[in-house]
Amino acid sequence: MTGELIETLNGIVRPVVEARGLELVDVELAAEEVGRVLRVVIDRAGGVSIDDCEDVARVLGVVLDVHDPIPGHYVLEVTSPGLYRRLRREAELPRFVGQRVKAVLREPVHGQHVLTGILADVREGVVTLVLPDKRTAVTGWDNISRMNLEPDVTELLKRKKQ
């Protein structure tokens, strides 16, 4: 997807999402088995419901039909970021301090290119993780090629049983 089309789509999608008190996490146009899919990822503190996704999809479908920014056929999908949310921007990291993350690094830290630990701090381009062995790993945001939330599923299951 070209940079210009990304900007156009963000300009169309963002006001619709934000007018509903939601956060626009990502807009992606992907080639998949069913054809092209315009995937809009939304969130809010406390999470989003199926009703939120349906509401945004219904309104956004009309708005996109009016603006018609994507030539040809595509499928619109509105979704939440899910448990393993990808963290794309440094600015969104402070909200997830204290949560478990997985970071794929360009250059290794402690001899590793992949670190999983608790996001302890984010400050001025520096990201600090506490690893399972209690070591601290510090790296620059620019050294992280990909970062996702990495919830401890066993902990989630324990909480659900209580």
C-alpha atoms as a PDB file:
ATOM      1  CA  MET A   1       0.000   0.000   0.000  1.00  0.00           C
ATOM      2  CA  THR A   2       1.449   3.348  -0.956  1.00  0.00           C
ATOM      3  CA  GLY A   3       2.111   6.026   1.630  1.00  0.00           C
ATOM      4  CA  GLU A   4      -0.412   8.305  -0.034  1.00  0.00           C
ATOM      5  CA  LEU A   5      -3.185   5.700   0.150  1.00  0.00           C
ATOM      6  CA  ILE A   6      -2.339   5.011   3.813  1.00  0.00           C
ATOM      7  CA  GLU A   7      -2.676   8.708   4.597  1.00  0.00           C
ATOM      8  CA  THR A   8      -5.965   8.926   2.696  1.00  0.00           C
ATOM      9  CA  LEU A   9      -7.412   5.892   4.462  1.00  0.00           C
ATOM     10  CA  ASN A  10      -6.282   7.126   7.879  1.00  0.00           C
ATOM     11  CA  GLY A  11      -7.865  10.503   7.133  1.00  0.00           C
ATOM     12  CA  ILE A  12     -11.185   8.836   6.306  1.00  0.00           C
ATOM     13  CA  VAL A  13     -11.181   6.162   9.020  1.00  0.00           C
ATOM     14  CA  ARG A  14      -9.828   8.097  12.032  1.00  0.00           C
ATOM     15  CA  PRO A  15     -12.740  10.587  12.408  1.00  0.00           C
ATOM     16  CA  VAL A  16     -15.312   7.777  12.224  1.00  0.00           C
ATOM     17  CA  VAL A  17     -13.486   5.746  14.884  1.00  0.00           C
ATOM     18  CA  GLU A  18     -12.707   8.671  17.189  1.00  0.00           C
ATOM     19  CA  ALA A  19     -16.294  10.011  16.982  1.00  0.00           C
ATOM     20  CA  ARG A  20     -17.299   6.783  18.755  1.00  0.00           C
ATOM     21  CA  GLY A  21     -14.775   7.295  21.562  1.00  0.00           C
ATOM     22  CA  LEU A  22     -12.446   4.639  20.163  1.00  0.00           C
ATOM     23  CA  GLU A  23      -8.764   4.584  19.233  1.00  0.00           C
ATOM     24  CA  LEU A  24      -7.597   3.771  15.716  1.00  0.00           C
ATOM     25  CA  VAL A  25      -4.762   1.286  16.184  1.00  0.00           C
ATOM     26  CA  ASP A  26      -4.044   0.344  12.572  1.00  0.00           C
ATOM     27  CA  VAL A  27      -5.302   0.416   8.996  1.00  0.00           C
ATOM     28  CA  GLU A  28      -4.033  -2.290   6.668  1.00  0.00           C
ATOM     29  CA  LEU A  29      -4.877  -3.238   3.087  1.00  0.00           C
ATOM     30  CA  ALA A  30      -3.775  -6.844   2.608  1.00  0.00           C
ATOM     31  CA  ALA A  31      -3.990  -9.355  -0.222  1.00  0.00           C
ATOM     32  CA  GLU A  32      -5.530 -12.521   1.187  1.00  0.00           C
ATOM     33  CA  GLU A  33      -7.196 -15.659  -0.115  1.00  0.00           C
ATOM     34  CA  VAL A  34     -10.606 -13.924  -0.292  1.00  0.00           C
ATOM     35  CA  GLY A  35      -9.075 -10.974  -2.185  1.00  0.00           C
ATOM     36  CA  ARG A  36      -8.093  -7.609  -0.801  1.00  0.00           C
ATOM     37  CA  VAL A  37      -9.020  -6.950   2.823  1.00  0.00           C
ATOM     38  CA  LEU A  38      -9.160  -3.496   4.368  1.00  0.00           C
ATOM     39  CA  ARG A  39      -8.519  -4.270   8.034  1.00  0.00           C
ATOM     40  CA  VAL A  40      -9.293  -1.549  10.563  1.00  0.00           C
ATOM     41  CA  VAL A  41      -8.094  -2.250  14.095  1.00  0.00           C
ATOM     42  CA  ILE A  42      -9.811  -0.345  16.907  1.00  0.00           C
ATOM     43  CA  ASP A  43      -9.423  -0.272  20.676  1.00  0.00           C
ATOM     44  CA  ARG A  44     -10.265   1.592  23.879  1.00  0.00           C
ATOM     45  CA  ALA A  45      -9.291   1.266  27.508  1.00  0.00           C
ATOM     46  CA  GLY A  46     -11.124  -1.819  28.723  1.00  0.00           C
ATOM     47  CA  GLY A  47     -11.352  -3.267  25.204  1.00  0.00           C
ATOM     48  CA  VAL A  48     -13.906  -3.184  22.413  1.00  0.00           C
ATOM     49  CA  SER A  49     -17.029  -5.260  21.915  1.00  0.00           C
ATOM     50  CA  ILE A  50     -18.459  -6.960  18.857  1.00  0.00           C
ATOM     51  CA  ASP A  51     -21.097  -4.207  18.848  1.00  0.00           C
ATOM     52  CA  ASP A  52     -18.317  -1.576  18.633  1.00  0.00           C
ATOM     53  CA  CYS A  53     -16.801  -3.378  15.643  1.00  0.00           C
ATOM     54  CA  GLU A  54     -20.179  -3.766  13.925  1.00  0.00           C
ATOM     55  CA  ASP A  55     -21.050  -0.094  14.486  1.00  0.00           C
ATOM     56  CA  VAL A  56     -17.741   1.141  13.060  1.00  0.00           C
ATOM     57  CA  ALA A  57     -17.998  -1.285  10.115  1.00  0.00           C
ATOM     58  CA  ARG A  58     -21.538  -0.153   9.271  1.00  0.00           C
ATOM     59  CA  VAL A  59     -20.724   3.580   9.342  1.00  0.00           C
ATOM     60  CA  LEU A  60     -17.304   3.171   7.772  1.00  0.00           C
ATOM     61  CA  GLY A  61     -18.767   1.122   4.914  1.00  0.00           C
ATOM     62  CA  VAL A  62     -21.016   4.031   3.958  1.00  0.00           C
ATOM     63  CA  VAL A  63     -18.233   6.619   4.337  1.00  0.00           C
ATOM     64  CA  LEU A  64     -15.819   4.543   2.251  1.00  0.00           C
ATOM     65  CA  ASP A  65     -18.462   4.080  -0.463  1.00  0.00           C
ATOM     66  CA  VAL A  66     -18.817   7.872  -0.674  1.00  0.00           C
ATOM     67  CA  HIS A  67     -15.056   8.576  -0.777  1.00  0.00           C
ATOM     68  CA  ASP A  68     -14.177   5.442  -2.810  1.00  0.00           C
ATOM     69  CA  PRO A  69     -10.411   5.579  -2.054  1.00  0.00           C
ATOM     70  CA  ILE A  70      -9.680   1.959  -3.018  1.00  0.00           C
ATOM     71  CA  PRO A  71     -10.182   0.963  -6.637  1.00  0.00           C
ATOM     72  CA  GLY A  72     -11.866  -2.371  -7.212  1.00  0.00           C
ATOM     73  CA  HIS A  73     -13.370  -4.862  -4.808  1.00  0.00           C
ATOM     74  CA  TYR A  74     -12.233  -5.311  -1.202  1.00  0.00           C
ATOM     75  CA  VAL A  75     -13.631  -6.702   2.050  1.00  0.00           C
ATOM     76  CA  LEU A  76     -13.892  -4.388   5.069  1.00  0.00           C
ATOM     77  CA  GLU A  77     -12.940  -5.977   8.389  1.00  0.00           C
ATOM     78  CA  VAL A  78     -13.134  -4.089  11.693  1.00  0.00           C
ATOM     79  CA  THR A  79     -11.468  -5.857  14.597  1.00  0.00           C
ATOM     80  CA  SER A  80      -9.826  -5.448  17.986  1.00  0.00           C
ATOM     81  CA  PRO A  81      -6.062  -5.789  18.411  1.00  0.00           C
ATOM     82  CA  GLY A  82      -6.544  -9.012  20.377  1.00  0.00           C
ATOM     83  CA  LEU A  83      -4.546 -10.461  23.248  1.00  0.00           C
ATOM     84  CA  TYR A  84      -1.286 -10.360  21.308  1.00  0.00           C
ATOM     85  CA  ARG A  85      -1.650  -6.731  20.237  1.00  0.00           C
ATOM     86  CA  ARG A  86       1.235  -5.442  18.157  1.00  0.00           C
ATOM     87  CA  LEU A  87       2.772  -2.285  19.601  1.00  0.00           C
ATOM     88  CA  ARG A  88       3.648  -0.130  16.611  1.00  0.00           C
ATOM     89  CA  ARG A  89       4.457   3.274  18.068  1.00  0.00           C
ATOM     90  CA  GLU A  90       6.632   4.271  20.990  1.00  0.00           C
ATOM     91  CA  ALA A  91       3.897   6.682  22.110  1.00  0.00           C
ATOM     92  CA  GLU A  92       1.512   3.800  22.882  1.00  0.00           C
ATOM     93  CA  LEU A  93       3.986   1.907  25.115  1.00  0.00           C
ATOM     94  CA  PRO A  94       3.467   3.789  28.427  1.00  0.00           C
ATOM     95  CA  ARG A  95      -0.104   2.500  28.565  1.00  0.00           C
ATOM     96  CA  PHE A  96       1.249  -1.079  28.651  1.00  0.00           C
ATOM     97  CA  VAL A  97       3.938  -0.632  31.323  1.00  0.00           C
ATOM     98  CA  GLY A  98       3.646  -3.543  33.738  1.00  0.00           C
ATOM     99  CA  GLN A  99       2.443  -5.970  31.077  1.00  0.00           C
ATOM    100  CA  ARG A 100       4.333  -8.851  29.490  1.00  0.00           C
ATOM    101  CA  VAL A 101       5.711  -8.180  26.006  1.00  0.00           C
ATOM    102  CA  LYS A 102       7.789  -9.912  23.377  1.00  0.00           C
ATOM    103  CA  ALA A 103      10.341  -7.788  21.512  1.00  0.00           C
ATOM    104  CA  VAL A 104      12.205  -8.823  18.373  1.00  0.00           C
ATOM    105  CA  LEU A 105      15.458  -6.867  18.192  1.00  0.00           C
ATOM    106  CA  ARG A 106      17.645  -5.782  15.301  1.00  0.00           C
ATOM    107  CA  GLU A 107      20.790  -6.030  17.464  1.00  0.00           C
ATOM    108  CA  PRO A 108      20.979  -8.477  20.374  1.00  0.00           C
ATOM    109  CA  VAL A 109      20.724  -7.565  24.053  1.00  0.00           C
ATOM    110  CA  HIS A 110      22.119 -10.112  26.550  1.00  0.00           C
ATOM    111  CA  GLY A 111      23.012 -12.164  23.465  1.00  0.00           C
ATOM    112  CA  GLN A 112      19.378 -12.493  22.394  1.00  0.00           C
ATOM    113  CA  HIS A 113      17.433 -11.153  19.416  1.00  0.00           C
ATOM    114  CA  VAL A 114      14.076 -12.022  21.015  1.00  0.00           C
ATOM    115  CA  LEU A 115      13.225 -10.916  24.547  1.00  0.00           C
ATOM    116  CA  THR A 116      10.092 -11.669  26.531  1.00  0.00           C
ATOM    117  CA  GLY A 117       9.547  -9.865  29.792  1.00  0.00           C
ATOM    118  CA  ILE A 118       7.637  -7.216  31.685  1.00  0.00           C
ATOM    119  CA  LEU A 119       7.645  -3.769  30.108  1.00  0.00           C
ATOM    120  CA  ALA A 120       9.100  -1.789  33.009  1.00  0.00           C
ATOM    121  CA  ASP A 121       9.733   1.655  31.548  1.00  0.00           C
ATOM    122  CA  VAL A 122       9.678   3.717  28.369  1.00  0.00           C
ATOM    123  CA  ARG A 123      11.462   7.031  28.373  1.00  0.00           C
ATOM    124  CA  GLU A 124      12.923   9.203  25.603  1.00  0.00           C
ATOM    125  CA  GLY A 125      13.373   6.364  23.134  1.00  0.00           C
ATOM    126  CA  VAL A 126      14.679   3.892  25.717  1.00  0.00           C
ATOM    127  CA  VAL A 127      12.697   0.730  26.522  1.00  0.00           C
ATOM    128  CA  THR A 128      13.347  -1.292  29.678  1.00  0.00           C
ATOM    129  CA  LEU A 129      12.171  -4.878  30.178  1.00  0.00           C
ATOM    130  CA  VAL A 130      12.463  -7.088  33.251  1.00  0.00           C
ATOM    131  CA  LEU A 131      13.223 -10.597  32.049  1.00  0.00           C
ATOM    132  CA  PRO A 132      11.953 -13.799  33.722  1.00  0.00           C
ATOM    133  CA  ASP A 133      15.372 -14.312  35.373  1.00  0.00           C
ATOM    134  CA  LYS A 134      15.006 -10.799  36.902  1.00  0.00           C
ATOM    135  CA  ARG A 135      17.731  -9.272  34.694  1.00  0.00           C
ATOM    136  CA  THR A 136      16.961  -5.885  33.216  1.00  0.00           C
ATOM    137  CA  ALA A 137      17.213  -5.464  29.439  1.00  0.00           C
ATOM    138  CA  VAL A 138      17.532  -1.927  28.136  1.00  0.00           C
ATOM    139  CA  THR A 139      17.403  -1.052  24.447  1.00  0.00           C
ATOM    140  CA  GLY A 140      16.448   1.803  22.167  1.00  0.00           C
ATOM    141  CA  TRP A 141      13.012   1.861  20.556  1.00  0.00           C
ATOM    142  CA  ASP A 142      14.866   2.085  17.222  1.00  0.00           C
ATOM    143  CA  ASN A 143      16.437  -1.344  17.940  1.00  0.00           C
ATOM    144  CA  ILE A 144      13.017  -3.004  18.178  1.00  0.00           C
ATOM    145  CA  SER A 145      11.806  -4.374  14.851  1.00  0.00           C
ATOM    146  CA  ARG A 146       8.583  -5.788  16.316  1.00  0.00           C
ATOM    147  CA  MET A 147       6.888  -5.762  19.708  1.00  0.00           C
ATOM    148  CA  ASN A 148       3.694  -7.470  20.830  1.00  0.00           C
ATOM    149  CA  LEU A 149       1.854  -7.970  24.062  1.00  0.00           C
ATOM    150  CA  GLU A 150       2.623 -11.502  25.181  1.00  0.00           C
ATOM    151  CA  PRO A 151       0.147 -12.370  27.930  1.00  0.00           C
ATOM    152  CA  ASP A 152       0.896 -15.287  30.189  1.00  0.00           C
ATOM    153  CA  VAL A 153      -1.980 -17.543  29.169  1.00  0.00           C
ATOM    154  CA  THR A 154      -1.625 -19.738  32.269  1.00  0.00           C
ATOM    155  CA  GLU A 155      -2.171 -16.653  34.449  1.00  0.00           C
ATOM    156  CA  LEU A 156      -5.220 -15.666  32.407  1.00  0.00           C
ATOM    157  CA  LEU A 157      -6.688 -19.160  32.822  1.00  0.00           C
ATOM    158  CA  LYS A 158      -6.072 -19.085  36.590  1.00  0.00           C
ATOM    159  CA  ARG A 159      -7.912 -15.753  36.876  1.00  0.00           C
ATOM    160  CA  LYS A 160     -10.842 -17.068  34.842  1.00  0.00           C
ATOM    161  CA  LYS A 161     -11.277 -20.096  37.158  1.00  0.00           C
ATOM    162  CA  GLN A 162     -11.433 -17.911  40.296  1.00  0.00           C
END
